[in-house]
Amino acid sequence: MSDEEIGQKLCKVPVYNDRISDTSVRKIVSDTDRTKTFQGYFFSKADAMALAEYDRMYTSSELGIPYADSDPLNIVIDKNIAPMPIRFIPEASEVKNALEVKKKAGLPHKNFSGVPVFESRNLSICEGYMTRNSEGCQNRRRLVFFKKEDLEKSLAKANAACHDGESNLIDMEEHIEVAALENIIQAMKDSSTSEWNNVVFAHPGEDIEISPSPREL
């Protein structure tokens, strides 16, 4: 896929960093090599605001007042405008969720590399609507969430629509999988036939409309 096509998938996803001015972005020193710095972009606004508050305690007012700012994810991953290496910093609670998903799936779960995103093979986008049923859909698209809680709510919502308003999905955890955002982006860049090319990213808090005629799996 082209960078433009990938960017269209990510343009509604916000990431946050710390700035001292419109042109000065906070540099973060690498844990493994103190001579290297990078731009850190948080997926949690609260984390970015906490770092800005910390910086205000130790930054001279003559340099400016540190503050948290946001950018669309597609702009950030555009390597043509990045003045230095970029590192995405996931929300700690979502990393914990990712490790729990891996543990339940019987996979190694000591650490997670990258920004975790969550999906369920029982939930997809069909003809612009979210649905639990993918069979018979000619344009099924994978639906990926940045927050596990958002996925769980969407699963419950889609399931309730199939059962007259009552969700009876016995164990939603069995339907949840986790992947690294960076790996998905790289797969889309590397191949025009990647299984991720039809993915739809649900930005945090997004309420996706249910199919008007939901069907059972």
N, C-alpha and C. Protein backbone atom coordinates (compact mmCIF):
# COMPACT_ATOMS: atom_id res chain seq x y z
N MET A 1 0.84 -1.19 0.00
CA MET A 1 0.00 0.00 0.00
C MET A 1 0.87 1.24 0.00
N SER A 2 0.36 2.31 -0.57
CA SER A 2 1.10 3.56 -0.58
C SER A 2 1.00 4.24 0.78
N ASP A 3 1.94 5.15 1.05
CA ASP A 3 1.92 5.90 2.31
C ASP A 3 0.63 6.70 2.44
N GLU A 4 0.12 7.20 1.32
CA GLU A 4 -1.12 7.98 1.35
C GLU A 4 -2.30 7.11 1.76
N GLU A 5 -2.37 5.90 1.23
CA GLU A 5 -3.46 4.99 1.58
C GLU A 5 -3.40 4.60 3.05
N ILE A 6 -2.19 4.34 3.54
CA ILE A 6 -2.03 4.00 4.95
C ILE A 6 -2.40 5.20 5.82
N GLY A 7 -1.99 6.38 5.39
CA GLY A 7 -2.30 7.59 6.15
C GLY A 7 -3.79 7.83 6.28
N GLN A 8 -4.55 7.50 5.25
CA GLN A 8 -6.00 7.67 5.30
C GLN A 8 -6.64 6.80 6.37
N LYS A 9 -6.02 5.66 6.65
CA LYS A 9 -6.54 4.76 7.69
C LYS A 9 -6.25 5.27 9.09
N LEU A 10 -5.23 6.11 9.23
CA LEU A 10 -4.76 6.52 10.55
C LEU A 10 -5.02 7.99 10.88
N CYS A 11 -5.64 8.71 9.97
CA CYS A 11 -5.74 10.16 10.12
C CYS A 11 -6.63 10.60 11.29
N LYS A 12 -7.51 9.72 11.77
CA LYS A 12 -8.40 10.10 12.87
C LYS A 12 -7.88 9.66 14.24
N VAL A 13 -6.70 9.04 14.24
CA VAL A 13 -6.12 8.55 15.50
C VAL A 13 -5.17 9.60 16.06
N PRO A 14 -5.44 10.15 17.26
CA PRO A 14 -4.56 11.17 17.82
C PRO A 14 -3.41 10.56 18.63
N VAL A 15 -2.25 11.19 18.55
CA VAL A 15 -1.14 10.87 19.44
C VAL A 15 -0.67 12.19 20.06
N TYR A 16 0.02 12.10 21.18
CA TYR A 16 0.31 13.29 21.98
C TYR A 16 1.81 13.38 22.28
N ASN A 17 2.31 14.62 22.26
CA ASN A 17 3.69 14.84 22.65
C ASN A 17 3.79 16.13 23.46
N ASP A 18 4.98 16.42 23.91
CA ASP A 18 5.22 17.63 24.69
C ASP A 18 5.99 18.64 23.87
N ARG A 19 5.60 19.88 23.97
CA ARG A 19 6.25 20.96 23.23
C ARG A 19 6.58 22.12 24.16
N ILE A 20 7.55 22.90 23.74
CA ILE A 20 7.86 24.15 24.42
C ILE A 20 7.39 25.32 23.55
N SER A 21 7.33 25.07 22.24
CA SER A 21 6.80 26.05 21.30
C SER A 21 6.21 25.29 20.13
N ASP A 22 5.67 26.02 19.16
CA ASP A 22 5.07 25.37 18.00
C ASP A 22 6.08 24.57 17.19
N THR A 23 7.36 24.95 17.30
CA THR A 23 8.39 24.30 16.49
C THR A 23 9.34 23.43 17.32
N SER A 24 9.23 23.47 18.63
CA SER A 24 10.15 22.73 19.50
C SER A 24 9.42 21.57 20.17
N VAL A 25 9.81 20.35 19.79
CA VAL A 25 9.21 19.14 20.35
C VAL A 25 10.14 18.55 21.39
N ARG A 26 9.59 18.07 22.45
CA ARG A 26 10.36 17.51 23.56
C ARG A 26 11.17 16.30 23.10
N LYS A 27 12.47 16.30 23.41
CA LYS A 27 13.34 15.17 23.10
C LYS A 27 13.42 14.24 24.30
N ILE A 28 13.40 12.95 24.04
CA ILE A 28 13.52 11.94 25.09
C ILE A 28 14.80 11.16 24.88
N VAL A 29 15.55 10.96 25.95
CA VAL A 29 16.82 10.24 25.87
C VAL A 29 16.57 8.74 25.93
N SER A 30 17.26 8.00 25.07
CA SER A 30 17.11 6.55 25.03
C SER A 30 17.57 5.91 26.33
N ASP A 31 16.84 4.89 26.78
CA ASP A 31 17.23 4.16 27.99
C ASP A 31 18.49 3.34 27.79
N THR A 32 18.70 2.87 26.58
CA THR A 32 19.82 1.97 26.30
C THR A 32 21.07 2.69 25.81
N ASP A 33 20.91 3.88 25.25
CA ASP A 33 22.05 4.65 24.76
C ASP A 33 21.81 6.12 25.05
N ARG A 34 22.47 6.64 26.07
CA ARG A 34 22.21 8.01 26.53
C ARG A 34 22.62 9.06 25.51
N THR A 35 23.34 8.66 24.47
CA THR A 35 23.75 9.62 23.45
C THR A 35 22.68 9.80 22.37
N LYS A 36 21.65 8.95 22.42
CA LYS A 36 20.61 9.00 21.40
C LYS A 36 19.33 9.60 21.96
N THR A 37 18.67 10.40 21.14
CA THR A 37 17.39 10.99 21.53
C THR A 37 16.34 10.69 20.46
N PHE A 38 15.10 10.82 20.84
CA PHE A 38 14.01 10.58 19.92
C PHE A 38 12.81 11.42 20.32
N GLN A 39 11.88 11.56 19.41
CA GLN A 39 10.61 12.20 19.72
C GLN A 39 9.65 11.14 20.25
N GLY A 40 9.11 11.38 21.43
CA GLY A 40 8.17 10.43 22.00
C GLY A 40 6.73 10.87 21.76
N TYR A 41 5.93 9.97 21.22
CA TYR A 41 4.51 10.26 21.01
C TYR A 41 3.69 9.26 21.82
N PHE A 42 2.86 9.81 22.71
CA PHE A 42 2.05 9.01 23.61
C PHE A 42 0.69 8.70 22.99
N PHE A 43 0.16 7.54 23.31
CA PHE A 43 -1.21 7.23 22.93
C PHE A 43 -2.18 7.58 24.05
N SER A 44 -1.64 8.03 25.16
CA SER A 44 -2.45 8.50 26.29
C SER A 44 -2.22 10.00 26.49
N LYS A 45 -3.28 10.78 26.39
CA LYS A 45 -3.17 12.21 26.62
C LYS A 45 -2.72 12.49 28.05
N ALA A 46 -3.21 11.69 29.00
CA ALA A 46 -2.85 11.88 30.40
C ALA A 46 -1.35 11.70 30.61
N ASP A 47 -0.74 10.74 29.92
CA ASP A 47 0.70 10.52 30.04
C ASP A 47 1.47 11.72 29.51
N ALA A 48 1.03 12.26 28.38
CA ALA A 48 1.71 13.43 27.81
C ALA A 48 1.57 14.64 28.73
N MET A 49 0.40 14.81 29.31
CA MET A 49 0.18 15.94 30.22
C MET A 49 1.01 15.79 31.49
N ALA A 50 1.17 14.56 31.97
CA ALA A 50 1.99 14.33 33.16
C ALA A 50 3.45 14.67 32.89
N LEU A 51 3.94 14.32 31.70
CA LEU A 51 5.32 14.65 31.36
C LEU A 51 5.50 16.16 31.20
N ALA A 52 4.50 16.82 30.62
CA ALA A 52 4.57 18.28 30.48
C ALA A 52 4.60 18.95 31.84
N GLU A 53 3.81 18.43 32.78
CA GLU A 53 3.81 18.97 34.13
C GLU A 53 5.16 18.78 34.79
N TYR A 54 5.76 17.63 34.59
CA TYR A 54 7.10 17.36 35.12
C TYR A 54 8.11 18.33 34.52
N ASP A 55 8.03 18.53 33.20
CA ASP A 55 8.98 19.42 32.53
C ASP A 55 8.84 20.86 33.02
N ARG A 56 7.63 21.27 33.34
CA ARG A 56 7.43 22.65 33.81
C ARG A 56 8.18 22.91 35.11
N MET A 57 8.42 21.86 35.87
CA MET A 57 9.12 22.00 37.15
C MET A 57 10.62 22.22 36.94
N TYR A 58 11.14 21.78 35.79
CA TYR A 58 12.59 21.80 35.59
C TYR A 58 13.03 22.57 34.36
N THR A 59 12.10 23.22 33.67
CA THR A 59 12.44 23.98 32.47
C THR A 59 12.39 25.47 32.77
N SER A 60 13.41 26.18 32.34
CA SER A 60 13.45 27.63 32.54
C SER A 60 12.30 28.28 31.78
N SER A 61 11.62 29.21 32.42
CA SER A 61 10.50 29.90 31.78
C SER A 61 10.95 30.69 30.57
N GLU A 62 12.26 31.01 30.51
CA GLU A 62 12.77 31.75 29.37
C GLU A 62 12.71 30.92 28.09
N LEU A 63 12.73 29.61 28.25
CA LEU A 63 12.67 28.72 27.09
C LEU A 63 11.25 28.49 26.61
N GLY A 64 10.29 28.82 27.46
CA GLY A 64 8.89 28.58 27.15
C GLY A 64 8.26 27.67 28.18
N ILE A 65 6.96 27.54 28.12
CA ILE A 65 6.23 26.70 29.07
C ILE A 65 5.83 25.40 28.39
N PRO A 66 6.33 24.26 28.86
CA PRO A 66 5.98 22.98 28.24
C PRO A 66 4.48 22.70 28.30
N TYR A 67 3.96 22.14 27.25
CA TYR A 67 2.55 21.79 27.20
C TYR A 67 2.35 20.56 26.32
N ALA A 68 1.26 19.85 26.56
CA ALA A 68 0.93 18.66 25.77
C ALA A 68 0.15 19.08 24.52
N ASP A 69 0.50 18.49 23.40
CA ASP A 69 -0.17 18.80 22.14
C ASP A 69 -0.48 17.49 21.42
N SER A 70 -1.33 17.56 20.43
CA SER A 70 -1.71 16.34 19.70
C SER A 70 -1.48 16.52 18.21
N ASP A 71 -1.25 15.40 17.54
CA ASP A 71 -1.11 15.35 16.09
C ASP A 71 -1.83 14.10 15.59
N PRO A 72 -2.34 14.13 14.36
CA PRO A 72 -2.89 12.90 13.79
C PRO A 72 -1.76 11.90 13.56
N LEU A 73 -2.05 10.64 13.79
CA LEU A 73 -1.03 9.61 13.68
C LEU A 73 -0.42 9.55 12.29
N ASN A 74 -1.22 9.78 11.26
CA ASN A 74 -0.69 9.69 9.90
C ASN A 74 0.37 10.75 9.63
N ILE A 75 0.24 11.92 10.25
CA ILE A 75 1.24 12.97 10.07
C ILE A 75 2.54 12.57 10.75
N VAL A 76 2.42 11.97 11.91
CA VAL A 76 3.61 11.61 12.69
C VAL A 76 4.44 10.54 11.99
N ILE A 77 3.79 9.58 11.35
CA ILE A 77 4.54 8.49 10.72
C ILE A 77 5.10 8.88 9.36
N ASP A 78 4.84 10.10 8.93
CA ASP A 78 5.39 10.57 7.67
C ASP A 78 6.88 10.86 7.87
N LYS A 79 7.72 9.97 7.43
CA LYS A 79 9.16 10.10 7.68
C LYS A 79 9.77 11.33 7.02
N ASN A 80 9.09 11.86 6.03
CA ASN A 80 9.64 13.01 5.32
C ASN A 80 9.69 14.26 6.18
N ILE A 81 8.88 14.32 7.26
CA ILE A 81 8.87 15.53 8.06
C ILE A 81 9.46 15.30 9.45
N ALA A 82 9.88 14.08 9.76
CA ALA A 82 10.40 13.78 11.09
C ALA A 82 11.85 14.24 11.20
N PRO A 83 12.16 15.20 12.10
CA PRO A 83 13.53 15.70 12.24
C PRO A 83 14.43 14.75 13.01
N MET A 84 13.86 13.76 13.69
CA MET A 84 14.65 12.79 14.44
C MET A 84 13.82 11.52 14.59
N PRO A 85 14.45 10.42 15.05
CA PRO A 85 13.68 9.17 15.21
C PRO A 85 12.47 9.35 16.10
N ILE A 86 11.43 8.59 15.79
CA ILE A 86 10.17 8.66 16.54
C ILE A 86 9.95 7.35 17.28
N ARG A 87 9.46 7.48 18.50
CA ARG A 87 9.08 6.29 19.26
C ARG A 87 7.67 6.47 19.79
N PHE A 88 6.83 5.48 19.53
CA PHE A 88 5.47 5.50 20.06
C PHE A 88 5.46 4.89 21.45
N ILE A 89 4.79 5.55 22.37
CA ILE A 89 4.74 5.12 23.77
C ILE A 89 3.31 4.71 24.09
N PRO A 90 3.06 3.41 24.21
CA PRO A 90 1.68 2.95 24.45
C PRO A 90 1.23 3.23 25.87
N GLU A 91 -0.07 3.20 26.07
CA GLU A 91 -0.63 3.36 27.40
C GLU A 91 -0.34 2.10 28.21
N ALA A 92 0.16 2.28 29.43
CA ALA A 92 0.59 1.14 30.25
C ALA A 92 -0.54 0.13 30.46
N SER A 93 -1.75 0.63 30.66
CA SER A 93 -2.88 -0.28 30.90
C SER A 93 -3.17 -1.15 29.69
N GLU A 94 -2.93 -0.62 28.48
CA GLU A 94 -3.18 -1.42 27.27
C GLU A 94 -2.08 -2.46 27.06
N VAL A 95 -0.86 -2.14 27.48
CA VAL A 95 0.21 -3.14 27.43
C VAL A 95 -0.14 -4.29 28.38
N LYS A 96 -0.63 -3.94 29.55
CA LYS A 96 -1.06 -4.97 30.51
C LYS A 96 -2.17 -5.83 29.91
N ASN A 97 -3.13 -5.18 29.26
CA ASN A 97 -4.22 -5.92 28.61
C ASN A 97 -3.67 -6.86 27.53
N ALA A 98 -2.69 -6.37 26.77
CA ALA A 98 -2.10 -7.17 25.70
C ALA A 98 -1.43 -8.42 26.26
N LEU A 99 -0.71 -8.26 27.36
CA LEU A 99 -0.04 -9.41 27.97
C LEU A 99 -1.05 -10.43 28.49
N GLU A 100 -2.16 -9.94 29.01
CA GLU A 100 -3.20 -10.85 29.50
C GLU A 100 -3.84 -11.62 28.35
N VAL A 101 -4.03 -10.96 27.21
CA VAL A 101 -4.59 -11.63 26.04
C VAL A 101 -3.63 -12.72 25.55
N LYS A 102 -2.33 -12.38 25.50
CA LYS A 102 -1.33 -13.35 25.06
C LYS A 102 -1.26 -14.54 26.02
N LYS A 103 -1.34 -14.25 27.31
CA LYS A 103 -1.28 -15.32 28.31
C LYS A 103 -2.45 -16.27 28.14
N LYS A 104 -3.63 -15.71 27.94
CA LYS A 104 -4.82 -16.55 27.80
C LYS A 104 -4.76 -17.39 26.53
N ALA A 105 -4.05 -16.86 25.52
CA ALA A 105 -3.92 -17.59 24.26
C ALA A 105 -2.78 -18.61 24.30
N GLY A 106 -2.08 -18.69 25.43
CA GLY A 106 -0.98 -19.63 25.56
C GLY A 106 0.29 -19.18 24.88
N LEU A 107 0.43 -17.86 24.66
CA LEU A 107 1.60 -17.30 24.00
C LEU A 107 2.55 -16.70 25.03
N PRO A 108 3.84 -16.50 24.67
CA PRO A 108 4.77 -15.84 25.59
C PRO A 108 4.22 -14.49 26.01
N HIS A 109 4.29 -14.18 27.31
CA HIS A 109 3.62 -12.97 27.79
C HIS A 109 4.45 -12.21 28.82
N LYS A 110 5.78 -12.30 28.72
CA LYS A 110 6.62 -11.56 29.65
C LYS A 110 6.72 -10.08 29.25
N ASN A 111 6.66 -9.81 27.96
CA ASN A 111 6.73 -8.42 27.50
C ASN A 111 5.97 -8.28 26.19
N PHE A 112 5.75 -7.03 25.81
CA PHE A 112 5.08 -6.74 24.54
C PHE A 112 5.85 -5.63 23.85
N SER A 113 6.25 -5.88 22.62
CA SER A 113 7.01 -4.90 21.85
C SER A 113 6.09 -4.14 20.90
N GLY A 114 6.04 -2.82 21.07
CA GLY A 114 5.21 -1.99 20.20
C GLY A 114 3.95 -1.50 20.87
N VAL A 115 3.09 -0.91 20.06
CA VAL A 115 1.80 -0.40 20.53
C VAL A 115 0.74 -1.46 20.30
N PRO A 116 0.12 -1.98 21.36
CA PRO A 116 -0.87 -3.04 21.18
C PRO A 116 -2.17 -2.53 20.59
N VAL A 117 -2.72 -3.29 19.66
CA VAL A 117 -4.06 -3.03 19.13
C VAL A 117 -4.83 -4.35 19.18
N PHE A 118 -6.14 -4.25 19.32
CA PHE A 118 -6.95 -5.42 19.62
C PHE A 118 -8.03 -5.63 18.55
N GLU A 119 -8.32 -6.89 18.28
CA GLU A 119 -9.39 -7.21 17.33
C GLU A 119 -10.05 -8.52 17.71
N SER A 120 -11.21 -8.75 17.14
CA SER A 120 -11.92 -10.02 17.27
C SER A 120 -12.30 -10.48 15.88
N ARG A 121 -12.02 -11.74 15.60
CA ARG A 121 -12.40 -12.30 14.29
C ARG A 121 -13.91 -12.40 14.15
N ASN A 122 -14.64 -12.22 15.24
CA ASN A 122 -16.10 -12.26 15.19
C ASN A 122 -16.71 -10.88 14.96
N LEU A 123 -15.86 -9.88 14.79
CA LEU A 123 -16.35 -8.51 14.62
C LEU A 123 -15.66 -7.90 13.42
N SER A 124 -16.43 -7.32 12.52
CA SER A 124 -15.86 -6.74 11.32
C SER A 124 -16.72 -5.59 10.82
N ILE A 125 -16.23 -4.95 9.79
CA ILE A 125 -16.99 -3.90 9.11
C ILE A 125 -17.51 -4.47 7.79
N CYS A 126 -18.80 -4.35 7.58
CA CYS A 126 -19.41 -4.83 6.34
C CYS A 126 -20.34 -3.74 5.81
N GLU A 127 -20.05 -3.26 4.61
CA GLU A 127 -20.87 -2.23 3.98
C GLU A 127 -21.00 -1.00 4.87
N GLY A 128 -19.92 -0.68 5.56
CA GLY A 128 -19.89 0.53 6.38
C GLY A 128 -20.41 0.38 7.79
N TYR A 129 -20.92 -0.80 8.12
CA TYR A 129 -21.47 -1.03 9.45
C TYR A 129 -20.67 -2.10 10.19
N MET A 130 -20.70 -2.01 11.52
CA MET A 130 -20.09 -3.03 12.35
C MET A 130 -21.05 -4.20 12.48
N THR A 131 -20.51 -5.40 12.35
CA THR A 131 -21.36 -6.59 12.44
C THR A 131 -20.58 -7.76 13.01
N ARG A 132 -21.29 -8.68 13.64
CA ARG A 132 -20.67 -9.92 14.12
C ARG A 132 -20.58 -10.95 13.02
N ASN A 133 -21.26 -10.75 11.94
CA ASN A 133 -21.31 -11.75 10.88
C ASN A 133 -20.48 -11.29 9.70
N SER A 134 -19.54 -12.10 9.27
CA SER A 134 -18.73 -11.75 8.10
C SER A 134 -19.07 -12.60 6.88
N GLU A 135 -19.80 -13.69 7.08
CA GLU A 135 -20.13 -14.57 5.97
C GLU A 135 -21.12 -13.89 5.03
N GLY A 136 -20.88 -14.05 3.74
CA GLY A 136 -21.77 -13.46 2.76
C GLY A 136 -21.48 -12.01 2.45
N CYS A 137 -20.54 -11.43 3.17
CA CYS A 137 -20.17 -10.04 2.92
C CYS A 137 -19.08 -9.99 1.86
N GLN A 138 -19.30 -9.25 0.82
CA GLN A 138 -18.35 -9.18 -0.28
C GLN A 138 -17.21 -8.20 -0.01
N ASN A 139 -17.37 -7.39 1.01
CA ASN A 139 -16.34 -6.37 1.29
C ASN A 139 -16.05 -6.31 2.78
N ARG A 140 -15.76 -7.46 3.36
CA ARG A 140 -15.47 -7.53 4.79
C ARG A 140 -14.16 -6.82 5.09
N ARG A 141 -14.17 -6.03 6.15
CA ARG A 141 -12.96 -5.31 6.55
C ARG A 141 -12.66 -5.58 8.02
N ARG A 142 -11.40 -5.82 8.33
CA ARG A 142 -11.00 -6.09 9.71
C ARG A 142 -11.13 -4.82 10.53
N LEU A 143 -11.56 -4.98 11.77
CA LEU A 143 -11.79 -3.85 12.66
C LEU A 143 -10.84 -3.96 13.85
N VAL A 144 -10.01 -2.94 14.03
CA VAL A 144 -8.96 -2.97 15.05
C VAL A 144 -9.14 -1.79 16.00
N PHE A 145 -8.94 -2.04 17.29
CA PHE A 145 -9.14 -1.04 18.33
C PHE A 145 -7.83 -0.77 19.08
N PHE A 146 -7.67 0.48 19.51
CA PHE A 146 -6.50 0.85 20.29
C PHE A 146 -6.71 0.61 21.78
N LYS A 147 -7.96 0.44 22.18
CA LYS A 147 -8.28 0.15 23.57
C LYS A 147 -9.08 -1.14 23.65
N LYS A 148 -8.63 -2.04 24.49
CA LYS A 148 -9.32 -3.32 24.65
C LYS A 148 -10.75 -3.10 25.15
N GLU A 149 -10.94 -2.11 26.00
CA GLU A 149 -12.27 -1.81 26.52
C GLU A 149 -13.22 -1.43 25.39
N ASP A 150 -12.74 -0.65 24.42
CA ASP A 150 -13.59 -0.27 23.29
C ASP A 150 -14.01 -1.50 22.48
N LEU A 151 -13.09 -2.44 22.30
CA LEU A 151 -13.42 -3.67 21.59
C LEU A 151 -14.47 -4.47 22.35
N GLU A 152 -14.30 -4.59 23.66
CA GLU A 152 -15.25 -5.34 24.47
C GLU A 152 -16.64 -4.73 24.40
N LYS A 153 -16.70 -3.39 24.45
CA LYS A 153 -17.99 -2.71 24.37
C LYS A 153 -18.64 -2.95 23.00
N SER A 154 -17.82 -2.92 21.95
CA SER A 154 -18.35 -3.13 20.60
C SER A 154 -18.83 -4.56 20.41
N LEU A 155 -18.09 -5.52 20.97
CA LEU A 155 -18.53 -6.92 20.91
C LEU A 155 -19.87 -7.10 21.60
N ALA A 156 -19.99 -6.50 22.80
CA ALA A 156 -21.24 -6.61 23.55
C ALA A 156 -22.38 -5.93 22.80
N LYS A 157 -22.10 -4.80 22.19
CA LYS A 157 -23.11 -4.05 21.44
C LYS A 157 -23.59 -4.85 20.23
N ALA A 158 -22.64 -5.40 19.48
CA ALA A 158 -23.00 -6.18 18.30
C ALA A 158 -23.73 -7.45 18.68
N ASN A 159 -23.30 -8.07 19.77
CA ASN A 159 -23.94 -9.30 20.22
C ASN A 159 -25.36 -9.04 20.70
N ALA A 160 -25.54 -7.93 21.43
CA ALA A 160 -26.88 -7.58 21.92
C ALA A 160 -27.83 -7.32 20.76
N ALA A 161 -27.31 -6.72 19.69
CA ALA A 161 -28.15 -6.45 18.52
C ALA A 161 -28.64 -7.73 17.87
N CYS A 162 -27.88 -8.81 18.07
CA CYS A 162 -28.28 -10.11 17.50
C CYS A 162 -29.22 -10.88 18.41
N HIS A 163 -29.39 -10.39 19.65
CA HIS A 163 -30.19 -11.14 20.62
C HIS A 163 -31.22 -10.25 21.31
N ASP A 164 -31.88 -9.41 20.53
CA ASP A 164 -32.98 -8.59 21.05
C ASP A 164 -32.57 -7.76 22.26
N GLY A 165 -31.39 -7.15 22.16
CA GLY A 165 -30.97 -6.21 23.20
C GLY A 165 -30.23 -6.81 24.36
N GLU A 166 -30.07 -8.12 24.39
CA GLU A 166 -29.36 -8.77 25.49
C GLU A 166 -28.09 -9.42 24.97
N SER A 167 -26.96 -9.07 25.61
CA SER A 167 -25.69 -9.65 25.20
C SER A 167 -25.46 -10.96 25.94
N ASN A 168 -25.29 -12.04 25.21
CA ASN A 168 -25.03 -13.33 25.86
C ASN A 168 -23.71 -13.93 25.40
N LEU A 169 -22.78 -13.07 25.03
CA LEU A 169 -21.46 -13.53 24.65
C LEU A 169 -20.78 -14.04 25.91
N ILE A 170 -20.66 -15.34 26.04
CA ILE A 170 -20.24 -15.96 27.29
C ILE A 170 -18.84 -15.53 27.71
N ASP A 171 -17.89 -15.59 26.83
CA ASP A 171 -16.52 -15.25 27.18
C ASP A 171 -15.91 -14.44 26.05
N MET A 172 -16.00 -13.13 26.15
CA MET A 172 -15.49 -12.28 25.08
C MET A 172 -13.98 -12.42 24.92
N GLU A 173 -13.27 -12.77 26.00
CA GLU A 173 -11.82 -12.88 25.94
C GLU A 173 -11.39 -13.93 24.91
N GLU A 174 -12.20 -14.96 24.71
CA GLU A 174 -11.85 -16.00 23.76
C GLU A 174 -11.82 -15.47 22.33
N HIS A 175 -12.47 -14.37 22.09
CA HIS A 175 -12.59 -13.84 20.74
C HIS A 175 -11.60 -12.71 20.46
N ILE A 176 -10.79 -12.35 21.45
CA ILE A 176 -9.92 -11.19 21.33
C ILE A 176 -8.49 -11.61 21.01
N GLU A 177 -7.89 -10.92 20.03
CA GLU A 177 -6.49 -11.12 19.66
C GLU A 177 -5.77 -9.78 19.74
N VAL A 178 -4.44 -9.83 19.82
CA VAL A 178 -3.66 -8.60 19.93
C VAL A 178 -2.50 -8.65 18.94
N ALA A 179 -2.17 -7.49 18.39
CA ALA A 179 -1.04 -7.35 17.48
C ALA A 179 -0.37 -6.01 17.76
N ALA A 180 0.81 -5.82 17.18
CA ALA A 180 1.53 -4.56 17.35
C ALA A 180 1.23 -3.64 16.17
N LEU A 181 0.87 -2.41 16.47
CA LEU A 181 0.55 -1.44 15.43
C LEU A 181 1.69 -1.30 14.43
N GLU A 182 2.92 -1.23 14.93
CA GLU A 182 4.07 -1.05 14.06
C GLU A 182 4.19 -2.18 13.05
N ASN A 183 3.89 -3.41 13.48
CA ASN A 183 3.97 -4.55 12.56
C ASN A 183 2.89 -4.49 11.49
N ILE A 184 1.71 -4.01 11.88
CA ILE A 184 0.62 -3.87 10.90
C ILE A 184 0.99 -2.84 9.84
N ILE A 185 1.50 -1.70 10.28
CA ILE A 185 1.88 -0.64 9.34
C ILE A 185 2.96 -1.14 8.40
N GLN A 186 3.96 -1.84 8.94
CA GLN A 186 5.05 -2.35 8.11
C GLN A 186 4.54 -3.38 7.11
N ALA A 187 3.61 -4.23 7.53
CA ALA A 187 3.05 -5.23 6.62
C ALA A 187 2.31 -4.56 5.47
N MET A 188 1.59 -3.50 5.75
CA MET A 188 0.87 -2.78 4.70
C MET A 188 1.84 -2.11 3.74
N LYS A 189 2.96 -1.62 4.26
CA LYS A 189 3.96 -0.98 3.40
C LYS A 189 4.67 -1.99 2.52
N ASP A 190 4.90 -3.19 3.07
CA ASP A 190 5.71 -4.18 2.37
C ASP A 190 4.97 -4.91 1.26
N SER A 191 3.65 -4.98 1.35
CA SER A 191 2.92 -5.80 0.39
C SER A 191 1.57 -5.19 0.04
N SER A 192 1.26 -5.24 -1.24
CA SER A 192 -0.05 -4.76 -1.69
C SER A 192 -1.13 -5.80 -1.44
N THR A 193 -0.72 -6.99 -1.02
CA THR A 193 -1.69 -8.06 -0.77
C THR A 193 -1.68 -8.49 0.69
N SER A 194 -1.18 -7.66 1.58
CA SER A 194 -1.13 -8.00 3.00
C SER A 194 -2.54 -8.23 3.55
N GLU A 195 -2.65 -9.16 4.49
CA GLU A 195 -3.95 -9.43 5.11
C GLU A 195 -4.47 -8.23 5.88
N TRP A 196 -3.59 -7.25 6.15
CA TRP A 196 -3.99 -6.07 6.90
C TRP A 196 -4.46 -4.92 6.01
N ASN A 197 -4.39 -5.09 4.71
CA ASN A 197 -4.71 -3.97 3.83
C ASN A 197 -6.17 -3.53 3.90
N ASN A 198 -7.04 -4.40 4.40
CA ASN A 198 -8.46 -4.03 4.49
C ASN A 198 -8.85 -3.62 5.91
N VAL A 199 -7.86 -3.30 6.74
CA VAL A 199 -8.13 -2.98 8.14
C VAL A 199 -8.76 -1.60 8.29
N VAL A 200 -9.64 -1.49 9.29
CA VAL A 200 -10.22 -0.21 9.70
C VAL A 200 -9.79 0.01 11.15
N PHE A 201 -9.15 1.15 11.42
CA PHE A 201 -8.72 1.47 12.77
C PHE A 201 -9.80 2.30 13.47
N ALA A 202 -10.31 1.79 14.57
CA ALA A 202 -11.29 2.54 15.37
C ALA A 202 -10.52 3.41 16.36
N HIS A 203 -10.65 4.71 16.23
CA HIS A 203 -9.91 5.58 17.15
C HIS A 203 -10.51 5.50 18.54
N PRO A 204 -9.73 5.77 19.58
CA PRO A 204 -10.20 5.60 20.97
C PRO A 204 -11.53 6.32 21.22
N GLY A 205 -12.48 5.57 21.77
CA GLY A 205 -13.78 6.13 22.10
C GLY A 205 -14.77 6.17 20.96
N GLU A 206 -14.37 5.73 19.78
CA GLU A 206 -15.28 5.78 18.62
C GLU A 206 -16.46 4.83 18.80
N ASP A 207 -17.64 5.32 18.51
CA ASP A 207 -18.86 4.52 18.59
C ASP A 207 -19.29 4.18 17.17
N ILE A 208 -19.06 2.95 16.76
CA ILE A 208 -19.32 2.54 15.39
C ILE A 208 -20.75 2.01 15.27
N GLU A 209 -21.44 2.43 14.23
CA GLU A 209 -22.84 2.05 14.05
C GLU A 209 -22.98 0.58 13.69
N ILE A 210 -23.97 -0.05 14.31
CA ILE A 210 -24.26 -1.46 14.07
C ILE A 210 -25.03 -1.63 12.77
N SER A 211 -24.80 -2.76 12.10
CA SER A 211 -25.55 -3.08 10.90
C SER A 211 -27.05 -3.05 11.20
N PRO A 212 -27.86 -2.45 10.33
CA PRO A 212 -29.31 -2.38 10.57
C PRO A 212 -29.98 -3.75 10.55
N SER A 213 -29.31 -4.76 9.99
CA SER A 213 -29.89 -6.11 9.94
C SER A 213 -28.84 -7.12 10.39
N PRO A 214 -28.45 -7.05 11.69
CA PRO A 214 -27.42 -7.97 12.17
C PRO A 214 -27.87 -9.41 12.05
N ARG A 215 -26.88 -10.29 11.79
CA ARG A 215 -27.18 -11.70 11.63
C ARG A 215 -26.28 -12.51 12.54
N GLU A 216 -26.72 -13.67 12.87
CA GLU A 216 -25.94 -14.55 13.74
C GLU A 216 -24.73 -15.10 12.99
N LEU A 217 -23.71 -15.47 13.76
CA LEU A 217 -22.55 -16.13 13.17
C LEU A 217 -22.95 -17.50 12.62
